[in-house]
């Protein structure tokens, strides 16, 4: 029975050692680590010369695009005004064409032949027919 008591005592001692070793590593482990308190300071971003050059170029391009857009709006307004003026000129020319046609028919002048189509070859040696002279009228008193 003495050997059983010694075995029991040896197991108890080993058990106590394991428990004490386990408790020593788990309890107070936070105290073994050094406490380092970190402070994060606000550090401004430092830009390189290339980054500043790129930003300046982007600002320049934005201004250029705004200026171009403004000029195109102005040009569009000018084109509309010129288009309206051309429409008025075309209407006036149509009125003058009708008036001239009435005058020619009243005076008995034969109308001119229509011009050749654009791009058609014109032969330089072919004479054009002479235009008849208007009939002579006596001057009005």
Protein backbone atom coordinates (compact mmCIF):
# COMPACT_ATOMS: atom_id res chain seq x y z
CA UNK A 1 0.00 0.00 0.00
CA UNK A 2 2.96 2.26 0.44
CA UNK A 3 3.71 2.17 -3.25
CA UNK A 4 0.16 3.21 -4.04
CA UNK A 5 0.49 6.18 -1.69
CA UNK A 6 3.74 7.22 -3.34
CA UNK A 7 2.22 6.90 -6.79
CA UNK A 8 -0.79 8.90 -5.63
CA UNK A 9 1.49 11.57 -4.13
CA UNK A 10 3.61 11.72 -7.30
CA UNK A 11 0.48 12.14 -9.45
CA UNK A 12 -0.83 14.81 -7.07
CA UNK A 13 2.51 16.69 -7.19
CA UNK A 14 2.59 16.52 -10.98
CA UNK A 15 -1.06 17.68 -11.10
CA UNK A 16 -0.34 20.58 -8.77
CA UNK A 17 2.69 21.57 -10.85
CA UNK A 18 0.67 21.48 -14.07
CA UNK A 19 -2.11 23.58 -12.52
CA UNK A 20 0.33 26.11 -11.09
CA UNK A 21 2.20 26.32 -14.39
CA UNK A 22 -1.07 26.83 -16.23
CA UNK A 23 -2.21 29.52 -13.83
CA UNK A 24 1.10 31.32 -13.96
CA UNK A 25 0.98 31.67 -17.75
CA UNK A 26 -2.69 32.59 -18.04
CA UNK A 27 -3.09 34.97 -15.11
CA UNK A 28 -1.22 38.23 -15.34
CA UNK A 29 -0.05 37.65 -18.85
CA UNK A 30 -1.21 41.14 -19.81
CA UNK A 31 1.26 42.61 -17.32
CA UNK A 32 4.21 40.99 -19.02
CA UNK A 33 3.63 42.84 -22.30
CA UNK A 34 5.01 46.35 -22.43
CA UNK A 35 2.33 49.01 -22.52
CA UNK A 36 3.07 51.22 -25.51
CA UNK A 37 0.61 54.01 -26.04
CA UNK A 38 0.60 55.25 -29.57
CA UNK A 39 -0.52 58.71 -30.58
CA UNK A 40 -1.53 59.30 -34.15
CA UNK A 41 -0.74 62.80 -35.20
CA UNK A 42 -2.31 64.48 -38.21
CA UNK A 43 0.42 64.81 -40.78
CA UNK A 44 -0.46 66.77 -43.90
CA UNK A 45 -0.05 65.06 -47.22
CA UNK A 46 3.12 66.10 -48.96
CA UNK A 47 2.77 66.35 -52.71
CA UNK A 48 5.52 65.78 -55.18
CA UNK A 49 6.32 68.21 -57.96
CA UNK A 50 4.77 65.81 -60.47
CA UNK A 51 1.50 65.67 -58.50
CA UNK A 52 1.35 69.48 -58.33
CA UNK A 53 2.07 69.72 -62.07
CA UNK A 54 -0.69 67.22 -62.85
CA UNK A 55 -3.19 69.13 -60.69
CA UNK A 56 -2.23 72.42 -62.37
CA UNK A 57 -2.65 70.80 -65.79
CA UNK A 58 -6.09 69.46 -64.81
CA UNK A 59 -7.18 72.92 -63.64
CA UNK A 60 -5.91 74.42 -66.90
CA UNK A 61 -7.82 71.85 -68.96
CA UNK A 62 -11.02 72.54 -66.98
CA UNK A 63 -10.70 76.26 -67.68
CA UNK A 64 -9.95 75.56 -71.35
CA UNK A 65 -13.02 73.32 -71.68
CA UNK A 66 -15.23 75.96 -70.01
CA UNK A 67 -13.90 78.66 -72.33
CA UNK A 68 -14.39 76.46 -75.39
CA UNK A 69 -17.94 75.65 -74.33
CA UNK A 70 -18.74 79.33 -73.86
CA UNK A 71 -17.29 80.19 -77.27
CA UNK A 72 -19.24 77.39 -78.96
CA UNK A 73 -22.49 78.67 -77.45
CA UNK A 74 -21.69 82.15 -78.81
CA UNK A 75 -20.81 80.70 -82.20
CA UNK A 76 -24.07 78.75 -82.26
CA UNK A 77 -26.03 81.95 -81.63
CA UNK A 78 -24.11 83.70 -84.43
CA UNK A 79 -24.78 80.84 -86.86
CA UNK A 80 -28.49 81.01 -86.06
CA UNK A 81 -28.51 84.75 -86.72
CA UNK A 82 -26.66 84.31 -90.04
CA UNK A 83 -29.06 81.51 -91.01
CA UNK A 84 -32.03 83.76 -90.38
CA UNK A 85 -30.43 86.54 -92.43
CA UNK A 86 -29.78 84.11 -95.30
CA UNK A 87 -33.41 82.96 -95.20
CA UNK A 88 -34.57 86.58 -95.47
CA UNK A 89 -32.18 87.18 -98.40
CA UNK A 90 -33.45 84.01 -100.11
CA UNK A 91 -37.07 85.12 -99.73
CA UNK A 92 -36.23 88.56 -101.13
CA UNK A 93 -34.37 87.00 -104.10
CA UNK A 94 -37.37 84.78 -104.81
CA UNK A 95 -39.59 87.89 -104.89
CA UNK A 96 -37.15 89.65 -107.23
CA UNK A 97 -37.01 86.56 -109.47
CA UNK A 98 -40.80 86.53 -109.80
CA UNK A 99 -40.86 90.26 -110.49
CA UNK A 100 -38.14 89.92 -113.15
CA UNK A 101 -40.01 87.03 -114.78
CA UNK A 102 -43.19 89.15 -114.97
CA UNK A 103 -41.24 92.07 -116.45
CA UNK A 104 -39.63 89.80 -119.07
CA UNK A 105 -42.96 88.30 -120.08
CA UNK A 106 -44.51 91.76 -120.27
CA UNK A 107 -41.68 93.00 -122.51
CA UNK A 108 -41.64 89.80 -124.57
CA UNK A 109 -38.06 88.79 -123.70
CA UNK A 110 -37.31 85.09 -124.02
CA UNK A 111 -36.09 83.58 -120.74
CA UNK A 112 -32.50 82.40 -120.51
CA UNK A 113 -31.82 78.68 -120.77
CA UNK A 114 -31.19 77.01 -117.41
CA UNK A 115 -27.54 76.80 -116.38
CA UNK A 116 -25.73 73.49 -116.87
CA UNK A 117 -25.66 71.16 -113.87
CA UNK A 118 -22.78 71.52 -111.48
CA UNK A 119 -19.83 69.41 -112.57
CA UNK A 120 -20.92 69.17 -116.20
CA UNK A 121 -18.17 69.79 -118.75
CA UNK A 122 -18.65 72.98 -120.72
CA UNK A 123 -17.14 73.03 -124.19
CA UNK A 124 -15.21 76.29 -124.67
CA UNK A 125 -15.47 76.39 -128.52
CA UNK A 126 -19.27 76.21 -128.70
CA UNK A 127 -20.68 79.71 -129.07
CA UNK A 128 -23.64 80.60 -126.97
CA UNK A 129 -26.70 81.79 -128.84
CA UNK A 130 -27.09 85.57 -128.87
CA UNK A 131 -29.73 87.00 -126.66
CA UNK A 132 -32.48 88.80 -128.56
CA UNK A 133 -32.58 92.53 -128.09
CA UNK A 134 -35.60 93.90 -126.29
CA UNK A 135 -38.18 95.45 -128.55
CA UNK A 136 -37.78 99.16 -128.89
CA UNK A 137 -40.48 101.18 -127.37
CA UNK A 138 -41.15 104.75 -127.79
CA UNK A 139 -40.15 106.81 -124.78
CA UNK A 140 -42.96 108.06 -122.69
CA UNK A 141 -43.58 111.79 -122.80
